[in-house]
Amino acid sequence: MSTLAVFDLDGTLVDTPRGIVETFTAAFATMGLEAPRPEEIRATIGLPLERAFGSLMGVADDDPRVAEGVRQYLSAFREIVLPKAADLLFPGVAQGLAALEDDGVILAVATSKFSASADALLTSAGLKHHFRMVVGADQVAHPKPHPESGQVILRELGMDGERAVMVGDTTHDLLMARACGMRSIGVTYGVHGVEELRSAEPTWLVDTFDDVLDRITTASVRD
């Protein structure tokens, strides 16, 4: 039977955190608001946009200012990040995904991005064709760390959690995986640091995408 590898997007496949900070900053400027500090913005990466803007603005997620912030963010993201997406891939990602696909591993994405933004980023980065399924935050009622995104992927692809591995750079990814009965690989080169990742008890903790491939291969062999 095949192994399913589910990947986070920002900070796991594509080195977008710096661009995300720039995009948030541009969105706040367009609204005539002072932008939060970069470290404050980075702390929201991995959350759905409404929650991120609500947190940064100190207002409820359904506040009209949040909706306007999301609109401005999506517009700025298309101008700032998408044109350089292919250059933002972490080392080994393009070759690694192709190798996993050749080995019969089923690939999917579970992201806190809106599905349209995720598809656009994957397409611009030249990765979209590798993935059987992409689930964005707007396609579920409860985004990560809630298990719903993972459950949708497992159900649609007809897979059991025991045969799946989640790869991500934040505790949101790892907690979702555990709640779905998946094994998990925490990558240390993204947003959350080593100790924060360890707090979510990943199955494995790795430093490079090559290490990700080794762990997924190990999982496939063990299955």
Protein backbone atom coordinates (compact mmCIF):
# COMPACT_ATOMS: atom_id res chain seq x y z
CA MET A 1 0.00 0.00 0.00
CA SER A 2 1.10 3.57 -0.68
CA THR A 3 2.27 6.11 1.86
CA LEU A 4 0.64 9.55 1.96
CA ALA A 5 2.87 12.57 2.62
CA VAL A 6 0.99 15.76 3.54
CA PHE A 7 2.97 18.98 3.42
CA ASP A 8 2.51 22.41 4.88
CA LEU A 9 3.39 25.15 2.39
CA ASP A 10 4.84 28.37 3.89
CA GLY A 11 8.10 27.70 5.71
CA THR A 12 8.09 24.02 4.72
CA LEU A 13 8.23 23.89 0.92
CA VAL A 14 8.63 27.57 0.08
CA ASP A 15 10.70 30.11 2.00
CA THR A 16 7.91 32.69 2.11
CA PRO A 17 8.08 34.03 5.71
CA ARG A 18 10.14 37.11 4.73
CA GLY A 19 7.78 37.83 1.85
CA ILE A 20 4.79 37.35 4.15
CA VAL A 21 6.15 39.96 6.56
CA GLU A 22 6.63 42.34 3.63
CA THR A 23 3.11 41.60 2.40
CA PHE A 24 1.50 42.23 5.79
CA THR A 25 3.47 45.47 6.08
CA ALA A 26 2.23 46.59 2.66
CA ALA A 27 -1.37 45.73 3.58
CA PHE A 28 -1.22 47.82 6.75
CA ALA A 29 0.37 50.72 4.86
CA THR A 30 -2.37 50.65 2.22
CA MET A 31 -4.96 50.93 5.01
CA GLY A 32 -3.08 53.87 6.55
CA LEU A 33 -2.15 51.88 9.66
CA GLU A 34 1.17 51.45 11.38
CA ALA A 35 2.49 47.97 10.66
CA PRO A 36 3.27 45.60 13.53
CA ARG A 37 6.89 44.67 14.17
CA PRO A 38 8.28 41.89 11.91
CA GLU A 39 8.56 39.48 14.84
CA GLU A 40 4.90 40.04 15.67
CA ILE A 41 3.91 39.26 12.10
CA ARG A 42 6.12 36.17 11.98
CA ALA A 43 4.43 34.86 15.12
CA THR A 44 1.12 34.68 13.21
CA ILE A 45 2.49 32.68 10.25
CA GLY A 46 0.65 29.38 10.12
CA LEU A 47 -2.66 30.89 11.21
CA PRO A 48 -5.55 31.65 8.84
CA LEU A 49 -5.42 35.25 7.58
CA GLU A 50 -8.50 36.36 9.53
CA ARG A 51 -7.02 35.14 12.80
CA ALA A 52 -3.66 36.69 11.96
CA PHE A 53 -5.10 40.11 11.18
CA GLY A 54 -7.46 39.96 14.15
CA SER A 55 -4.54 39.20 16.45
CA LEU A 56 -2.29 41.88 14.96
CA MET A 57 -5.05 44.51 15.04
CA GLY A 58 -6.35 43.50 18.45
CA VAL A 59 -9.91 43.09 17.14
CA ALA A 60 -12.35 40.24 16.55
CA ASP A 61 -11.82 38.08 13.46
CA ASP A 62 -15.15 39.25 12.01
CA ASP A 63 -14.33 42.95 12.35
CA PRO A 64 -14.69 44.77 8.97
CA ARG A 65 -11.10 45.99 9.28
CA VAL A 66 -9.93 42.38 9.26
CA ALA A 67 -11.78 41.70 6.01
CA GLU A 68 -10.19 44.77 4.47
CA GLY A 69 -6.75 43.68 5.69
CA VAL A 70 -7.22 40.26 4.09
CA ARG A 71 -8.21 41.87 0.79
CA GLN A 72 -5.18 44.12 0.80
CA TYR A 73 -2.92 41.24 1.79
CA LEU A 74 -4.10 39.02 -1.06
CA SER A 75 -3.53 41.83 -3.55
CA ALA A 76 -0.04 42.56 -2.23
CA PHE A 77 0.84 38.84 -2.10
CA ARG A 78 0.22 38.54 -5.84
CA GLU A 79 2.61 41.42 -6.49
CA ILE A 80 5.33 40.71 -3.91
CA VAL A 81 5.63 36.93 -3.48
CA LEU A 82 4.24 35.14 -6.53
CA PRO A 83 6.72 36.57 -9.08
CA LYS A 84 9.68 35.13 -7.14
CA ALA A 85 8.06 31.90 -5.90
CA ALA A 86 10.34 29.58 -7.89
CA ASP A 87 13.40 31.22 -6.34
CA LEU A 88 12.02 30.76 -2.82
CA LEU A 89 11.94 26.97 -2.82
CA PHE A 90 13.95 25.44 0.01
CA PRO A 91 16.97 23.42 -1.18
CA GLY A 92 16.03 19.97 -2.45
CA VAL A 93 12.27 20.52 -2.57
CA ALA A 94 11.70 20.32 -6.34
CA GLN A 95 13.89 17.26 -6.80
CA GLY A 96 12.66 15.66 -3.59
CA LEU A 97 8.97 15.88 -4.44
CA ALA A 98 9.65 14.41 -7.87
CA ALA A 99 11.57 11.52 -6.29
CA LEU A 100 8.78 10.80 -3.80
CA GLU A 101 6.22 10.80 -6.60
CA ASP A 102 8.39 8.42 -8.65
CA ASP A 103 8.54 6.11 -5.62
CA GLY A 104 4.73 5.95 -5.47
CA VAL A 105 4.25 8.23 -2.46
CA ILE A 106 0.94 10.12 -2.65
CA LEU A 107 1.45 13.84 -2.07
CA ALA A 108 -0.97 16.41 -0.67
CA VAL A 109 -0.88 19.88 0.91
CA ALA A 110 -2.69 21.12 4.03
CA THR A 111 -2.16 24.85 4.42
CA SER A 112 -3.50 27.81 6.38
CA LYS A 113 -3.48 29.81 3.14
CA PHE A 114 -6.70 30.37 1.21
CA SER A 115 -6.95 27.68 -1.46
CA ALA A 116 -6.65 30.16 -4.36
CA SER A 117 -3.45 31.63 -2.90
CA ALA A 118 -2.04 28.17 -2.25
CA ASP A 119 -2.76 27.05 -5.80
CA ALA A 120 -1.23 30.24 -7.20
CA LEU A 121 1.92 29.86 -5.09
CA LEU A 122 2.35 26.19 -5.96
CA THR A 123 1.81 26.93 -9.64
CA SER A 124 4.26 29.85 -9.64
CA ALA A 125 6.82 27.70 -7.84
CA GLY A 126 6.40 24.87 -10.37
CA LEU A 127 5.13 22.36 -7.79
CA LYS A 128 1.38 22.14 -8.33
CA HIS A 129 1.46 19.06 -10.59
CA HIS A 130 3.02 16.92 -7.85
CA PHE A 131 0.05 17.11 -5.49
CA ARG A 132 -3.04 14.95 -5.62
CA MET A 133 -4.92 17.34 -3.36
CA VAL A 134 -4.52 20.80 -1.81
CA VAL A 135 -6.70 21.84 1.15
CA GLY A 136 -6.73 25.50 2.17
CA ALA A 137 -8.09 27.21 5.26
CA ASP A 138 -11.21 28.38 3.42
CA GLN A 139 -12.16 24.81 2.54
CA VAL A 140 -12.69 23.68 6.12
CA ALA A 141 -14.68 24.98 9.06
CA HIS A 142 -11.73 24.53 11.44
CA PRO A 143 -8.19 25.10 10.04
CA LYS A 144 -4.99 23.78 11.62
CA PRO A 145 -4.23 22.84 14.36
CA HIS A 146 -7.73 21.33 14.29
CA PRO A 147 -7.61 17.91 12.58
CA GLU A 148 -10.26 18.72 9.94
CA SER A 149 -7.81 19.55 7.11
CA GLY A 150 -6.02 16.26 7.59
CA GLN A 151 -9.26 14.35 7.96
CA VAL A 152 -10.57 15.76 4.67
CA ILE A 153 -7.41 14.63 2.86
CA LEU A 154 -7.48 11.15 4.42
CA ARG A 155 -11.15 10.70 3.56
CA GLU A 156 -10.92 11.99 -0.01
CA LEU A 157 -7.83 9.93 -0.80
CA GLY A 158 -9.07 6.82 0.99
CA MET A 159 -6.09 6.62 3.33
CA ASP A 160 -5.68 5.69 6.99
CA GLY A 161 -3.81 7.96 9.38
CA GLU A 162 -1.27 5.20 10.07
CA ARG A 163 -0.13 5.33 6.47
CA ALA A 164 0.23 9.12 6.42
CA VAL A 165 3.03 11.50 7.43
CA MET A 166 2.57 15.24 7.98
CA VAL A 167 5.52 17.55 7.26
CA GLY A 168 5.47 21.06 8.69
CA ASP A 169 7.43 23.86 10.31
CA THR A 170 4.95 24.85 13.05
CA THR A 171 3.23 23.24 15.99
CA HIS A 172 -0.08 23.80 14.15
CA ASP A 173 1.00 21.17 11.61
CA LEU A 174 2.27 18.71 14.18
CA LEU A 175 -0.78 18.99 16.43
CA MET A 176 -3.08 18.45 13.46
CA ALA A 177 -1.13 15.34 12.53
CA ARG A 178 -1.36 13.85 16.00
CA ALA A 179 -5.10 14.50 16.17
CA CYS A 180 -5.50 12.68 12.83
CA GLY A 181 -3.42 9.69 13.88
CA MET A 182 -0.63 10.63 11.47
CA ARG A 183 3.06 10.50 12.11
CA SER A 184 4.77 13.87 11.77
CA ILE A 185 8.04 15.44 10.68
CA GLY A 186 8.90 18.82 12.14
CA VAL A 187 11.33 20.86 10.04
CA THR A 188 13.60 23.24 11.93
CA TYR A 189 14.34 25.61 9.02
CA GLY A 190 10.92 27.33 9.07
CA VAL A 191 8.98 29.54 11.46
CA HIS A 192 8.94 27.72 14.81
CA GLY A 193 12.14 26.94 16.67
CA VAL A 194 13.34 23.55 17.84
CA GLU A 195 12.00 23.73 21.39
CA GLU A 196 8.59 24.96 20.23
CA LEU A 197 8.40 22.13 17.71
CA ARG A 198 9.41 19.58 20.34
CA SER A 199 6.54 20.74 22.54
CA ALA A 200 4.15 19.28 19.94
CA GLU A 201 5.93 15.90 20.11
CA PRO A 202 6.69 15.24 16.43
CA THR A 203 7.61 11.71 15.40
CA TRP A 204 10.79 13.10 13.87
CA LEU A 205 12.58 16.44 13.91
CA VAL A 206 14.83 17.25 10.93
CA ASP A 207 17.02 20.08 9.68
CA THR A 208 16.85 19.75 5.87
CA PHE A 209 14.47 18.64 3.15
CA ASP A 210 16.82 15.76 2.34
CA ASP A 211 16.21 14.58 5.92
CA VAL A 212 12.46 14.83 5.24
CA LEU A 213 12.87 12.45 2.29
CA ASP A 214 14.83 9.99 4.43
CA ARG A 215 12.12 9.95 7.09
CA ILE A 216 9.29 9.50 4.60
CA THR A 217 11.25 6.63 3.01
CA THR A 218 11.70 5.12 6.47
CA ALA A 219 7.98 5.41 7.10
CA SER A 220 7.20 3.76 3.75
CA VAL A 221 9.58 0.88 4.40
CA ARG A 222 8.23 0.33 7.90
CA ASP A 223 4.69 0.21 6.56
